[in-house]
PDB file of all heavy atoms in Angstrom:
ATOM      1  N   ARG A   1       6.428   4.869   2.479  1.00  0.00           N
ATOM      2  CA  ARG A   1       7.439   5.920   2.367  1.00  0.00           C
ATOM      3  C   ARG A   1       8.850   5.426   2.626  1.00  0.00           C
ATOM      4  O   ARG A   1       9.806   6.128   2.325  1.00  0.00           O
ATOM      5  CB  ARG A   1       7.095   7.089   3.288  1.00  0.00           C
ATOM      6  CG  ARG A   1       5.958   7.906   2.729  1.00  0.00           C
ATOM      7  CD  ARG A   1       5.713   9.171   3.476  1.00  0.00           C
ATOM      8  NE  ARG A   1       4.689   9.953   2.790  1.00  0.00           N
ATOM      9  CZ  ARG A   1       4.227  11.094   3.230  1.00  0.00           C
ATOM     10  NH1 ARG A   1       4.688  11.610   4.361  1.00  0.00           N
ATOM     11  NH2 ARG A   1       3.298  11.732   2.550  1.00  0.00           N
ATOM     12  N   SER A   2       8.998   4.233   3.148  1.00  0.00           N
ATOM     13  CA  SER A   2      10.348   3.693   3.282  1.00  0.00           C
ATOM     14  C   SER A   2      10.890   3.280   1.912  1.00  0.00           C
ATOM     15  O   SER A   2      12.091   3.078   1.755  1.00  0.00           O
ATOM     16  CB  SER A   2      10.373   2.517   4.254  1.00  0.00           C
ATOM     17  OG  SER A   2       9.689   1.413   3.732  1.00  0.00           O
ATOM     18  N   PHE A   3      10.012   3.192   0.901  1.00  0.00           N
ATOM     19  CA  PHE A   3      10.410   2.866  -0.466  1.00  0.00           C
ATOM     20  C   PHE A   3      10.301   4.078  -1.388  1.00  0.00           C
ATOM     21  O   PHE A   3      11.161   4.293  -2.227  1.00  0.00           O
ATOM     22  CB  PHE A   3       9.543   1.730  -1.024  1.00  0.00           C
ATOM     23  CG  PHE A   3       9.756   0.429  -0.313  1.00  0.00           C
ATOM     24  CD1 PHE A   3       8.978   0.072   0.773  1.00  0.00           C
ATOM     25  CD2 PHE A   3      10.768  -0.424  -0.711  1.00  0.00           C
ATOM     26  CE1 PHE A   3       9.190  -1.124   1.435  1.00  0.00           C
ATOM     27  CE2 PHE A   3      10.989  -1.620  -0.052  1.00  0.00           C
ATOM     28  CZ  PHE A   3      10.200  -1.967   1.032  1.00  0.00           C
ATOM     29  N   VAL A   4       9.218   4.837  -1.256  1.00  0.00           N
ATOM     30  CA  VAL A   4       8.976   6.029  -2.079  1.00  0.00           C
ATOM     31  C   VAL A   4       8.687   7.177  -1.119  1.00  0.00           C
ATOM     32  O   VAL A   4       7.614   7.222  -0.507  1.00  0.00           O
ATOM     33  CB  VAL A   4       7.774   5.811  -3.030  1.00  0.00           C
ATOM     34  CG1 VAL A   4       7.478   7.076  -3.819  1.00  0.00           C
ATOM     35  CG2 VAL A   4       8.025   4.643  -3.958  1.00  0.00           C
ATOM     36  N   PRO A   5       9.630   8.121  -0.960  1.00  0.00           N
ATOM     37  CA  PRO A   5       9.484   9.171   0.055  1.00  0.00           C
ATOM     38  C   PRO A   5       8.187   9.983  -0.017  1.00  0.00           C
ATOM     39  O   PRO A   5       7.668  10.391   1.004  1.00  0.00           O
ATOM     40  CB  PRO A   5      10.693  10.069  -0.199  1.00  0.00           C
ATOM     41  CG  PRO A   5      11.701   9.159  -0.803  1.00  0.00           C
ATOM     42  CD  PRO A   5      10.925   8.185  -1.643  1.00  0.00           C
ATOM     43  N   GLY A   6       7.620  10.169  -1.172  1.00  0.00           N
ATOM     44  CA  GLY A   6       6.395  10.965  -1.290  1.00  0.00           C
ATOM     45  C   GLY A   6       5.128  10.144  -1.367  1.00  0.00           C
ATOM     46  O   GLY A   6       4.064  10.658  -1.714  1.00  0.00           O
ATOM     47  N   ALA A   7       5.198   8.870  -1.027  1.00  0.00           N
ATOM     48  CA  ALA A   7       4.035   7.974  -1.146  1.00  0.00           C
ATOM     49  C   ALA A   7       2.885   8.442  -0.256  1.00  0.00           C
ATOM     50  O   ALA A   7       3.095   8.929   0.849  1.00  0.00           O
ATOM     51  CB  ALA A   7       4.428   6.549  -0.773  1.00  0.00           C
ATOM     52  N   ILE A   8       1.683   8.290  -0.794  1.00  0.00           N
ATOM     53  CA  ILE A   8       0.475   8.668  -0.049  1.00  0.00           C
ATOM     54  C   ILE A   8      -0.475   7.476  -0.008  1.00  0.00           C
ATOM     55  O   ILE A   8      -0.754   6.859  -1.026  1.00  0.00           O
ATOM     56  CB  ILE A   8      -0.226   9.875  -0.710  1.00  0.00           C
ATOM     57  CG1 ILE A   8       0.678  11.103  -0.630  1.00  0.00           C
ATOM     58  CG2 ILE A   8      -1.578  10.137  -0.065  1.00  0.00           C
ATOM     59  CD1 ILE A   8       0.144  12.309  -1.348  1.00  0.00           C
ATOM     60  N   VAL A   9      -0.960   7.165   1.185  1.00  0.00           N
ATOM     61  CA  VAL A   9      -1.999   6.145   1.374  1.00  0.00           C
ATOM     62  C   VAL A   9      -3.173   6.859   2.032  1.00  0.00           C
ATOM     63  O   VAL A   9      -3.069   7.354   3.139  1.00  0.00           O
ATOM     64  CB  VAL A   9      -1.500   4.974   2.251  1.00  0.00           C
ATOM     65  CG1 VAL A   9      -2.618   3.966   2.464  1.00  0.00           C
ATOM     66  CG2 VAL A   9      -0.281   4.307   1.622  1.00  0.00           C
ATOM     67  N   ARG A  10      -4.261   6.950   1.322  1.00  0.00           N
ATOM     68  CA  ARG A  10      -5.423   7.710   1.788  1.00  0.00           C
ATOM     69  C   ARG A  10      -6.320   6.897   2.723  1.00  0.00           C
ATOM     70  O   ARG A  10      -6.522   5.697   2.545  1.00  0.00           O
ATOM     71  CB  ARG A  10      -6.240   8.188   0.599  1.00  0.00           C
ATOM     72  CG  ARG A  10      -5.424   9.049  -0.352  1.00  0.00           C
ATOM     73  CD  ARG A  10      -6.313   9.982  -1.138  1.00  0.00           C
ATOM     74  NE  ARG A  10      -5.532  10.771  -2.057  1.00  0.00           N
ATOM     75  CZ  ARG A  10      -4.874  11.877  -1.741  1.00  0.00           C
ATOM     76  NH1 ARG A  10      -4.906  12.308  -0.499  1.00  0.00           N
ATOM     77  NH2 ARG A  10      -4.188  12.552  -2.636  1.00  0.00           N
ATOM     78  N   ARG A  11      -6.868   7.596   3.713  1.00  0.00           N
ATOM     79  CA  ARG A  11      -7.803   6.959   4.656  1.00  0.00           C
ATOM     80  C   ARG A  11      -9.007   6.378   3.929  1.00  0.00           C
ATOM     81  O   ARG A  11      -9.477   5.300   4.275  1.00  0.00           O
ATOM     82  CB  ARG A  11      -8.295   7.975   5.692  1.00  0.00           C
ATOM     83  CG  ARG A  11      -7.280   8.308   6.742  1.00  0.00           C
ATOM     84  CD  ARG A  11      -7.884   9.273   7.778  1.00  0.00           C
ATOM     85  NE  ARG A  11      -6.868   9.692   8.708  1.00  0.00           N
ATOM     86  CZ  ARG A  11      -6.570   9.047   9.829  1.00  0.00           C
ATOM     87  NH1 ARG A  11      -7.221   7.959  10.150  1.00  0.00           N
ATOM     88  NH2 ARG A  11      -5.626   9.487  10.614  1.00  0.00           N
ATOM     89  N   SER A  12      -9.501   7.095   2.931  1.00  0.00           N
ATOM     90  CA  SER A  12     -10.682   6.616   2.204  1.00  0.00           C
ATOM     91  C   SER A  12     -10.406   5.295   1.505  1.00  0.00           C
ATOM     92  O   SER A  12     -11.271   4.419   1.470  1.00  0.00           O
ATOM     93  CB  SER A  12     -11.149   7.673   1.196  1.00  0.00           C
ATOM     94  OG  SER A  12     -10.120   7.960   0.261  1.00  0.00           O
ATOM     95  N   LYS A  13      -9.215   5.132   0.956  1.00  0.00           N
ATOM     96  CA  LYS A  13      -8.850   3.863   0.308  1.00  0.00           C
ATOM     97  C   LYS A  13      -8.750   2.745   1.346  1.00  0.00           C
ATOM     98  O   LYS A  13      -9.169   1.624   1.092  1.00  0.00           O
ATOM     99  CB  LYS A  13      -7.528   3.992  -0.445  1.00  0.00           C
ATOM    100  CG  LYS A  13      -7.605   4.856  -1.667  1.00  0.00           C
ATOM    101  CD  LYS A  13      -8.393   4.159  -2.744  1.00  0.00           C
ATOM    102  CE  LYS A  13      -8.400   4.986  -4.006  1.00  0.00           C
ATOM    103  NZ  LYS A  13      -9.274   4.408  -5.026  1.00  0.00           N
ATOM    104  N   CYS A  14      -8.181   3.054   2.511  1.00  0.00           N
ATOM    105  CA  CYS A  14      -8.080   2.046   3.573  1.00  0.00           C
ATOM    106  C   CYS A  14      -9.460   1.655   4.092  1.00  0.00           C
ATOM    107  O   CYS A  14      -9.706   0.484   4.388  1.00  0.00           O
ATOM    108  CB  CYS A  14      -7.210   2.564   4.716  1.00  0.00           C
ATOM    109  SG  CYS A  14      -5.458   2.632   4.304  1.00  0.00           S
ATOM    110  N   ALA A  15     -10.364   2.612   4.203  1.00  0.00           N
ATOM    111  CA  ALA A  15     -11.714   2.331   4.696  1.00  0.00           C
ATOM    112  C   ALA A  15     -12.466   1.388   3.763  1.00  0.00           C
ATOM    113  O   ALA A  15     -13.362   0.669   4.192  1.00  0.00           O
ATOM    114  CB  ALA A  15     -12.494   3.621   4.887  1.00  0.00           C
ATOM    115  N   GLU A  16     -12.077   1.379   2.471  1.00  0.00           N
ATOM    116  CA  GLU A  16     -12.736   0.532   1.479  1.00  0.00           C
ATOM    117  C   GLU A  16     -12.110  -0.858   1.354  1.00  0.00           C
ATOM    118  O   GLU A  16     -12.625  -1.702   0.627  1.00  0.00           O
ATOM    119  CB  GLU A  16     -12.685   1.216   0.104  1.00  0.00           C
ATOM    120  CG  GLU A  16     -13.444   2.524   0.046  1.00  0.00           C
ATOM    121  CD  GLU A  16     -13.190   3.286  -1.243  1.00  0.00           C
ATOM    122  OE1 GLU A  16     -12.385   2.823  -2.087  1.00  0.00           O
ATOM    123  OE2 GLU A  16     -13.788   4.356  -1.404  1.00  0.00           O
ATOM    124  N   LEU A  17     -11.009  -1.116   2.056  1.00  0.00           N
ATOM    125  CA  LEU A  17     -10.316  -2.404   1.934  1.00  0.00           C
ATOM    126  C   LEU A  17     -11.205  -3.559   2.386  1.00  0.00           C
ATOM    127  O   LEU A  17     -11.953  -3.430   3.359  1.00  0.00           O
ATOM    128  CB  LEU A  17      -9.035  -2.403   2.771  1.00  0.00           C
ATOM    129  CG  LEU A  17      -7.910  -1.511   2.270  1.00  0.00           C
ATOM    130  CD1 LEU A  17      -6.806  -1.430   3.318  1.00  0.00           C
ATOM    131  CD2 LEU A  17      -7.367  -2.024   0.947  1.00  0.00           C
ATOM    132  N   ASN A  18     -11.095  -4.682   1.677  1.00  0.00           N
ATOM    133  CA  ASN A  18     -11.887  -5.861   2.024  1.00  0.00           C
ATOM    134  C   ASN A  18     -11.078  -6.910   2.772  1.00  0.00           C
ATOM    135  O   ASN A  18     -11.540  -7.443   3.770  1.00  0.00           O
ATOM    136  CB  ASN A  18     -12.501  -6.486   0.771  1.00  0.00           C
ATOM    137  CG  ASN A  18     -13.560  -5.597   0.165  1.00  0.00           C
ATOM    138  OD1 ASN A  18     -14.411  -5.083   0.870  1.00  0.00           O
ATOM    139  ND2 ASN A  18     -13.505  -5.406  -1.137  1.00  0.00           N
ATOM    140  N   THR A  19      -9.884  -7.230   2.269  1.00  0.00           N
ATOM    141  CA  THR A  19      -9.103  -8.320   2.863  1.00  0.00           C
ATOM    142  C   THR A  19      -7.699  -7.848   3.236  1.00  0.00           C
ATOM    143  O   THR A  19      -7.257  -6.784   2.821  1.00  0.00           O
ATOM    144  CB  THR A  19      -8.957  -9.508   1.882  1.00  0.00           C
ATOM    145  OG1 THR A  19      -8.170  -9.081   0.766  1.00  0.00           O
ATOM    146  CG2 THR A  19     -10.301 -10.035   1.412  1.00  0.00           C
ATOM    147  N   VAL A  20      -7.006  -8.677   3.996  1.00  0.00           N
ATOM    148  CA  VAL A  20      -5.617  -8.398   4.351  1.00  0.00           C
ATOM    149  C   VAL A  20      -4.773  -8.345   3.079  1.00  0.00           C
ATOM    150  O   VAL A  20      -3.915  -7.471   2.922  1.00  0.00           O
ATOM    151  CB  VAL A  20      -5.082  -9.472   5.327  1.00  0.00           C
ATOM    152  CG1 VAL A  20      -3.598  -9.292   5.573  1.00  0.00           C
ATOM    153  CG2 VAL A  20      -5.865  -9.435   6.633  1.00  0.00           C
ATOM    154  N   GLY A  21      -5.035  -9.246   2.148  1.00  0.00           N
ATOM    155  CA  GLY A  21      -4.318  -9.250   0.873  1.00  0.00           C
ATOM    156  C   GLY A  21      -4.499  -7.946   0.114  1.00  0.00           C
ATOM    157  O   GLY A  21      -3.564  -7.443  -0.516  1.00  0.00           O
ATOM    158  N   ASP A  22      -5.718  -7.380   0.162  1.00  0.00           N
ATOM    159  CA  ASP A  22      -5.969  -6.082  -0.474  1.00  0.00           C
ATOM    160  C   ASP A  22      -5.139  -4.987   0.180  1.00  0.00           C
ATOM    161  O   ASP A  22      -4.656  -4.075  -0.489  1.00  0.00           O
ATOM    162  CB  ASP A  22      -7.449  -5.707  -0.388  1.00  0.00           C
ATOM    163  CG  ASP A  22      -8.354  -6.606  -1.207  1.00  0.00           C
ATOM    164  OD1 ASP A  22      -7.856  -7.296  -2.128  1.00  0.00           O
ATOM    165  OD2 ASP A  22      -9.567  -6.623  -0.913  1.00  0.00           O
ATOM    166  N   ALA A  23      -4.967  -5.068   1.500  1.00  0.00           N
ATOM    167  CA  ALA A  23      -4.172  -4.081   2.232  1.00  0.00           C
ATOM    168  C   ALA A  23      -2.703  -4.163   1.816  1.00  0.00           C
ATOM    169  O   ALA A  23      -2.055  -3.139   1.586  1.00  0.00           O
ATOM    170  CB  ALA A  23      -4.311  -4.285   3.737  1.00  0.00           C
ATOM    171  N   VAL A  24      -2.187  -5.376   1.691  1.00  0.00           N
ATOM    172  CA  VAL A  24      -0.799  -5.561   1.251  1.00  0.00           C
ATOM    173  C   VAL A  24      -0.636  -4.995  -0.159  1.00  0.00           C
ATOM    174  O   VAL A  24       0.329  -4.285  -0.451  1.00  0.00           O
ATOM    175  CB  VAL A  24      -0.395  -7.051   1.303  1.00  0.00           C
ATOM    176  CG1 VAL A  24       0.968  -7.274   0.667  1.00  0.00           C
ATOM    177  CG2 VAL A  24      -0.406  -7.551   2.744  1.00  0.00           C
ATOM    178  N   LYS A  25      -1.602  -5.271  -1.020  1.00  0.00           N
ATOM    179  CA  LYS A  25      -1.561  -4.769  -2.403  1.00  0.00           C
ATOM    180  C   LYS A  25      -1.577  -3.242  -2.435  1.00  0.00           C
ATOM    181  O   LYS A  25      -0.828  -2.624  -3.196  1.00  0.00           O
ATOM    182  CB  LYS A  25      -2.750  -5.335  -3.182  1.00  0.00           C
ATOM    183  CG  LYS A  25      -2.792  -4.922  -4.630  1.00  0.00           C
ATOM    184  CD  LYS A  25      -3.978  -5.554  -5.334  1.00  0.00           C
ATOM    185  CE  LYS A  25      -4.085  -5.044  -6.752  1.00  0.00           C
ATOM    186  NZ  LYS A  25      -5.288  -5.567  -7.428  1.00  0.00           N
ATOM    187  N   LEU A  26      -2.414  -2.613  -1.615  1.00  0.00           N
ATOM    188  CA  LEU A  26      -2.491  -1.157  -1.561  1.00  0.00           C
ATOM    189  C   LEU A  26      -1.149  -0.545  -1.153  1.00  0.00           C
ATOM    190  O   LEU A  26      -0.666   0.400  -1.778  1.00  0.00           O
ATOM    191  CB  LEU A  26      -3.577  -0.716  -0.569  1.00  0.00           C
ATOM    192  CG  LEU A  26      -3.708   0.782  -0.323  1.00  0.00           C
ATOM    193  CD1 LEU A  26      -4.245   1.479  -1.572  1.00  0.00           C
ATOM    194  CD2 LEU A  26      -4.609   1.051   0.867  1.00  0.00           C
ATOM    195  N   VAL A  27      -0.514  -1.113  -0.136  1.00  0.00           N
ATOM    196  CA  VAL A  27       0.774  -0.593   0.332  1.00  0.00           C
ATOM    197  C   VAL A  27       1.848  -0.826  -0.726  1.00  0.00           C
ATOM    198  O   VAL A  27       2.664   0.058  -0.995  1.00  0.00           O
ATOM    199  CB  VAL A  27       1.170  -1.216   1.686  1.00  0.00           C
ATOM    200  CG1 VAL A  27       2.570  -0.791   2.088  1.00  0.00           C
ATOM    201  CG2 VAL A  27       0.162  -0.822   2.761  1.00  0.00           C
ATOM    202  N   ARG A  28       1.845  -1.995  -1.351  1.00  0.00           N
ATOM    203  CA  ARG A  28       2.823  -2.270  -2.414  1.00  0.00           C
ATOM    204  C   ARG A  28       2.690  -1.283  -3.558  1.00  0.00           C
ATOM    205  O   ARG A  28       3.682  -0.804  -4.099  1.00  0.00           O
ATOM    206  CB  ARG A  28       2.646  -3.691  -2.953  1.00  0.00           C
ATOM    207  CG  ARG A  28       3.246  -4.754  -2.062  1.00  0.00           C
ATOM    208  CD  ARG A  28       3.244  -6.114  -2.736  1.00  0.00           C
ATOM    209  NE  ARG A  28       4.108  -6.084  -3.906  1.00  0.00           N
ATOM    210  CZ  ARG A  28       3.734  -6.488  -5.117  1.00  0.00           C
ATOM    211  NH1 ARG A  28       2.533  -6.959  -5.333  1.00  0.00           N
ATOM    212  NH2 ARG A  28       4.582  -6.437  -6.125  1.00  0.00           N
ATOM    213  N   GLU A  29       1.454  -0.991  -3.969  1.00  0.00           N
ATOM    214  CA  GLU A  29       1.242  -0.040  -5.064  1.00  0.00           C
ATOM    215  C   GLU A  29       1.738   1.345  -4.685  1.00  0.00           C
ATOM    216  O   GLU A  29       2.383   2.021  -5.487  1.00  0.00           O
ATOM    217  CB  GLU A  29      -0.230  -0.013  -5.461  1.00  0.00           C
ATOM    218  CG  GLU A  29      -0.661  -1.254  -6.202  1.00  0.00           C
ATOM    219  CD  GLU A  29      -2.149  -1.305  -6.496  1.00  0.00           C
ATOM    220  OE1 GLU A  29      -2.879  -0.358  -6.132  1.00  0.00           O
ATOM    221  OE2 GLU A  29      -2.577  -2.308  -7.091  1.00  0.00           O
ATOM    222  N   ALA A  30       1.469   1.776  -3.469  1.00  0.00           N
ATOM    223  CA  ALA A  30       1.941   3.092  -3.015  1.00  0.00           C
ATOM    224  C   ALA A  30       3.464   3.130  -2.918  1.00  0.00           C
ATOM    225  O   ALA A  30       4.079   4.180  -3.098  1.00  0.00           O
ATOM    226  CB  ALA A  30       1.316   3.430  -1.658  1.00  0.00           C
ATOM    227  N   ALA A  31       4.071   1.970  -2.665  1.00  0.00           N
ATOM    228  CA  ALA A  31       5.523   1.879  -2.486  1.00  0.00           C
ATOM    229  C   ALA A  31       6.270   1.605  -3.790  1.00  0.00           C
ATOM    230  O   ALA A  31       7.466   1.355  -3.772  1.00  0.00           O
ATOM    231  CB  ALA A  31       5.853   0.790  -1.467  1.00  0.00           C
ATOM    232  N   GLY A  32       5.569   1.609  -4.912  1.00  0.00           N
ATOM    233  CA  GLY A  32       6.225   1.370  -6.190  1.00  0.00           C
ATOM    234  C   GLY A  32       6.330  -0.088  -6.562  1.00  0.00           C
ATOM    235  O   GLY A  32       7.178  -0.474  -7.352  1.00  0.00           O
ATOM    236  N   LYS A  33       5.489  -0.937  -5.989  1.00  0.00           N
ATOM    237  CA  LYS A  33       5.372  -2.369  -6.276  1.00  0.00           C
ATOM    238  C   LYS A  33       6.622  -3.210  -6.000  1.00  0.00           C
ATOM    239  O   LYS A  33       6.996  -4.055  -6.798  1.00  0.00           O
ATOM    240  CB  LYS A  33       4.901  -2.576  -7.707  1.00  0.00           C
ATOM    241  CG  LYS A  33       3.528  -2.004  -7.954  1.00  0.00           C
ATOM    242  CD  LYS A  33       2.981  -2.410  -9.282  1.00  0.00           C
ATOM    243  CE  LYS A  33       1.591  -1.814  -9.437  1.00  0.00           C
ATOM    244  NZ  LYS A  33       0.971  -2.169 -10.683  1.00  0.00           N
ATOM    245  N   PRO A  34       7.254  -3.020  -4.839  1.00  0.00           N
ATOM    246  CA  PRO A  34       8.334  -3.951  -4.484  1.00  0.00           C
ATOM    247  C   PRO A  34       7.727  -5.301  -4.090  1.00  0.00           C
ATOM    248  O   PRO A  34       6.525  -5.390  -3.851  1.00  0.00           O
ATOM    249  CB  PRO A  34       8.992  -3.282  -3.272  1.00  0.00           C
ATOM    250  CG  PRO A  34       7.894  -2.491  -2.662  1.00  0.00           C
ATOM    251  CD  PRO A  34       7.033  -2.027  -3.809  1.00  0.00           C
ATOM    252  N   PRO A  35       8.525  -6.366  -4.000  1.00  0.00           N
ATOM    253  CA  PRO A  35       7.979  -7.663  -3.571  1.00  0.00           C
ATOM    254  C   PRO A  35       7.431  -7.592  -2.143  1.00  0.00           C
ATOM    255  O   PRO A  35       7.904  -6.779  -1.342  1.00  0.00           O
ATOM    256  CB  PRO A  35       9.176  -8.615  -3.636  1.00  0.00           C
ATOM    257  CG  PRO A  35      10.339  -7.831  -4.094  1.00  0.00           C
ATOM    258  CD  PRO A  35       9.936  -6.417  -4.300  1.00  0.00           C
ATOM    259  N   THR A  36       6.452  -8.430  -1.835  1.00  0.00           N
ATOM    260  CA  THR A  36       5.848  -8.408  -0.496  1.00  0.00           C
ATOM    261  C   THR A  36       6.841  -8.781   0.589  1.00  0.00           C
ATOM    262  O   THR A  36       6.663  -8.418   1.740  1.00  0.00           O
ATOM    263  CB  THR A  36       4.639  -9.357  -0.391  1.00  0.00           C
ATOM    264  OG1 THR A  36       5.051 -10.670  -0.727  1.00  0.00           O
ATOM    265  CG2 THR A  36       3.520  -8.920  -1.298  1.00  0.00           C
ATOM    266  N   ASP A  37       7.893  -9.514   0.225  1.00  0.00           N
ATOM    267  CA  ASP A  37       8.889  -9.888   1.220  1.00  0.00           C
ATOM    268  C   ASP A  37      10.087  -8.931   1.243  1.00  0.00           C
ATOM    269  O   ASP A  37      11.098  -9.223   1.868  1.00  0.00           O
ATOM    270  CB  ASP A  37       9.344 -11.326   1.018  1.00  0.00           C
ATOM    271  CG  ASP A  37       9.990 -11.562  -0.344  1.00  0.00           C
ATOM    272  OD1 ASP A  37       9.942 -10.654  -1.195  1.00  0.00           O
ATOM    273  OD2 ASP A  37      10.535 -12.654  -0.551  1.00  0.00           O
ATOM    274  N   ALA A  38       9.947  -7.771   0.576  1.00  0.00           N
ATOM    275  CA  ALA A  38      11.011  -6.765   0.601  1.00  0.00           C
ATOM    276  C   ALA A  38      11.194  -6.260   2.030  1.00  0.00           C
ATOM    277  O   ALA A  38      10.215  -5.956   2.724  1.00  0.00           O
ATOM    278  CB  ALA A  38      10.669  -5.604  -0.323  1.00  0.00           C
TER     279      ALA A  38
END
């Protein structure tokens, strides 16, 4: 939400995460795909 004010990250999606990289990807997608070092 610091990038997209209405962004939603669901608990169910987080519960299904496998790796740290997957978690970063999930947050980036919810944030409108800014660079990981943004």
